[in-house]
Amino acid sequence: MLKAYRYRLYPTKSQAPLLEQTLEMCRWVYNDTLALRKKAWEQEQHSISLYETNKILTQWKKERPDLRTTRSKPGSLSGSSECPDAR
């Protein structure tokens, strides 16, 4: 049996921008990773592994400094099946 929990967050004024930034980075990583996986499958019938995804995320962090300011766990989970859809 599946259970669902619903939580309501009440961030302070100083926490709200950081929370929004973290969620935006998760959405960006999830959507771009999904696009890469889809493109690889459609063009080459090649499935990108979680290991390859993490290597790509490391490269993105070098290219985009704002990704480095976000906590590492949400970013890496965005590209895996452990993170819920972050659309």
C-alpha atoms as a PDB file:
ATOM      1  CA  MET A   1       0.000   0.000   0.000  1.00  0.00           C
ATOM      2  CA  LEU A   2       1.331   3.418  -0.954  1.00  0.00           C
ATOM      3  CA  LYS A   3       1.094   6.331   1.436  1.00  0.00           C
ATOM      4  CA  ALA A   4       1.363   9.984   0.626  1.00  0.00           C
ATOM      5  CA  TYR A   5       2.369  12.804   2.918  1.00  0.00           C
ATOM      6  CA  ARG A   6       1.783  16.461   2.323  1.00  0.00           C
ATOM      7  CA  TYR A   7       3.921  19.103   3.974  1.00  0.00           C
ATOM      8  CA  ARG A   8       3.500  22.844   4.087  1.00  0.00           C
ATOM      9  CA  LEU A   9       6.634  24.978   4.326  1.00  0.00           C
ATOM     10  CA  TYR A  10       6.735  28.410   5.870  1.00  0.00           C
ATOM     11  CA  PRO A  11      10.152  29.772   4.967  1.00  0.00           C
ATOM     12  CA  THR A  12      11.365  33.017   6.428  1.00  0.00           C
ATOM     13  CA  LYS A  13      12.021  35.979   4.160  1.00  0.00           C
ATOM     14  CA  SER A  14      15.717  35.138   4.102  1.00  0.00           C
ATOM     15  CA  GLN A  15      15.102  31.434   3.352  1.00  0.00           C
ATOM     16  CA  ALA A  16      12.586  31.951   0.524  1.00  0.00           C
ATOM     17  CA  PRO A  17      15.064  33.134  -2.165  1.00  0.00           C
ATOM     18  CA  LEU A  18      17.488  30.307  -1.353  1.00  0.00           C
ATOM     19  CA  LEU A  19      14.670  27.771  -1.532  1.00  0.00           C
ATOM     20  CA  GLU A  20      13.495  29.180  -4.869  1.00  0.00           C
ATOM     21  CA  GLN A  21      17.051  29.097  -6.246  1.00  0.00           C
ATOM     22  CA  THR A  22      17.536  25.481  -5.151  1.00  0.00           C
ATOM     23  CA  LEU A  23      14.238  24.392  -6.704  1.00  0.00           C
ATOM     24  CA  GLU A  24      15.033  26.244  -9.938  1.00  0.00           C
ATOM     25  CA  MET A  25      18.425  24.511 -10.177  1.00  0.00           C
ATOM     26  CA  CYS A  26      16.757  21.127  -9.574  1.00  0.00           C
ATOM     27  CA  ARG A  27      14.245  21.855 -12.332  1.00  0.00           C
ATOM     28  CA  TRP A  28      16.986  22.932 -14.730  1.00  0.00           C
ATOM     29  CA  VAL A  29      19.158  19.873 -14.043  1.00  0.00           C
ATOM     30  CA  TYR A  30      16.186  17.498 -14.268  1.00  0.00           C
ATOM     31  CA  ASN A  31      14.850  18.956 -17.517  1.00  0.00           C
ATOM     32  CA  ASP A  32      18.242  19.186 -19.249  1.00  0.00           C
ATOM     33  CA  THR A  33      19.190  15.668 -18.134  1.00  0.00           C
ATOM     34  CA  LEU A  34      15.862  14.378 -19.416  1.00  0.00           C
ATOM     35  CA  ALA A  35      16.436  16.144 -22.739  1.00  0.00           C
ATOM     36  CA  LEU A  36      19.928  14.600 -23.043  1.00  0.00           C
ATOM     37  CA  ARG A  37      18.625  11.119 -22.262  1.00  0.00           C
ATOM     38  CA  LYS A  38      15.759  11.494 -24.726  1.00  0.00           C
ATOM     39  CA  LYS A  39      18.049  12.790 -27.477  1.00  0.00           C
ATOM     40  CA  ALA A  40      20.574   9.971 -26.917  1.00  0.00           C
ATOM     41  CA  TRP A  41      17.828   7.374 -27.106  1.00  0.00           C
ATOM     42  CA  GLU A  42      16.101   8.830 -30.166  1.00  0.00           C
ATOM     43  CA  GLN A  43      19.318   9.311 -32.145  1.00  0.00           C
ATOM     44  CA  GLU A  44      21.460   6.345 -31.080  1.00  0.00           C
ATOM     45  CA  GLN A  45      19.194   4.025 -29.045  1.00  0.00           C
ATOM     46  CA  HIS A  46      21.733   4.580 -26.254  1.00  0.00           C
ATOM     47  CA  SER A  47      20.639   4.814 -22.638  1.00  0.00           C
ATOM     48  CA  ILE A  48      22.638   7.241 -20.480  1.00  0.00           C
ATOM     49  CA  SER A  49      23.565   5.676 -17.135  1.00  0.00           C
ATOM     50  CA  LEU A  50      23.452   7.371 -13.748  1.00  0.00           C
ATOM     51  CA  TYR A  51      27.277   7.347 -13.733  1.00  0.00           C
ATOM     52  CA  GLU A  52      27.364   9.219 -17.056  1.00  0.00           C
ATOM     53  CA  THR A  53      24.714  11.613 -15.770  1.00  0.00           C
ATOM     54  CA  ASN A  54      26.836  12.421 -12.712  1.00  0.00           C
ATOM     55  CA  LYS A  55      29.844  13.098 -14.963  1.00  0.00           C
ATOM     56  CA  ILE A  56      27.710  15.489 -17.020  1.00  0.00           C
ATOM     57  CA  LEU A  57      26.537  17.224 -13.832  1.00  0.00           C
ATOM     58  CA  THR A  58      30.171  17.697 -12.788  1.00  0.00           C
ATOM     59  CA  GLN A  59      30.878  19.321 -16.162  1.00  0.00           C
ATOM     60  CA  TRP A  60      27.824  21.573 -15.812  1.00  0.00           C
ATOM     61  CA  LYS A  61      29.067  22.699 -12.397  1.00  0.00           C
ATOM     62  CA  LYS A  62      32.334  23.817 -14.018  1.00  0.00           C
ATOM     63  CA  GLU A  63      30.432  25.753 -16.686  1.00  0.00           C
ATOM     64  CA  ARG A  64      27.724  27.235 -14.447  1.00  0.00           C
ATOM     65  CA  PRO A  65      28.952  28.667 -11.119  1.00  0.00           C
ATOM     66  CA  ASP A  66      25.368  29.017  -9.835  1.00  0.00           C
ATOM     67  CA  LEU A  67      25.079  25.215  -9.767  1.00  0.00           C
ATOM     68  CA  ARG A  68      27.970  25.065  -7.311  1.00  0.00           C
ATOM     69  CA  THR A  69      26.140  27.265  -4.819  1.00  0.00           C
ATOM     70  CA  THR A  70      23.271  24.777  -4.631  1.00  0.00           C
ATOM     71  CA  ARG A  71      23.584  21.802  -2.304  1.00  0.00           C
ATOM     72  CA  SER A  72      25.010  18.785  -4.117  1.00  0.00           C
ATOM     73  CA  LYS A  73      22.432  16.164  -3.143  1.00  0.00           C
ATOM     74  CA  PRO A  74      19.339  17.710  -4.800  1.00  0.00           C
ATOM     75  CA  GLY A  75      21.264  18.351  -8.002  1.00  0.00           C
ATOM     76  CA  SER A  76      22.550  14.822  -8.333  1.00  0.00           C
ATOM     77  CA  LEU A  77      19.161  13.331  -7.482  1.00  0.00           C
ATOM     78  CA  SER A  78      17.463  15.432 -10.127  1.00  0.00           C
ATOM     79  CA  GLY A  79      19.012  13.276 -12.786  1.00  0.00           C
ATOM     80  CA  SER A  80      18.126  10.006 -11.112  1.00  0.00           C
ATOM     81  CA  SER A  81      14.959   8.073 -10.457  1.00  0.00           C
ATOM     82  CA  GLU A  82      15.211   8.891  -6.723  1.00  0.00           C
ATOM     83  CA  CYS A  83      14.046  12.467  -7.240  1.00  0.00           C
ATOM     84  CA  PRO A  84      10.384  13.108  -8.035  1.00  0.00           C
ATOM     85  CA  ASP A  85       9.522  14.885 -11.258  1.00  0.00           C
ATOM     86  CA  ALA A  86      10.893  18.398 -10.976  1.00  0.00           C
ATOM     87  CA  ARG A  87       9.147  19.945 -13.940  1.00  0.00           C
END
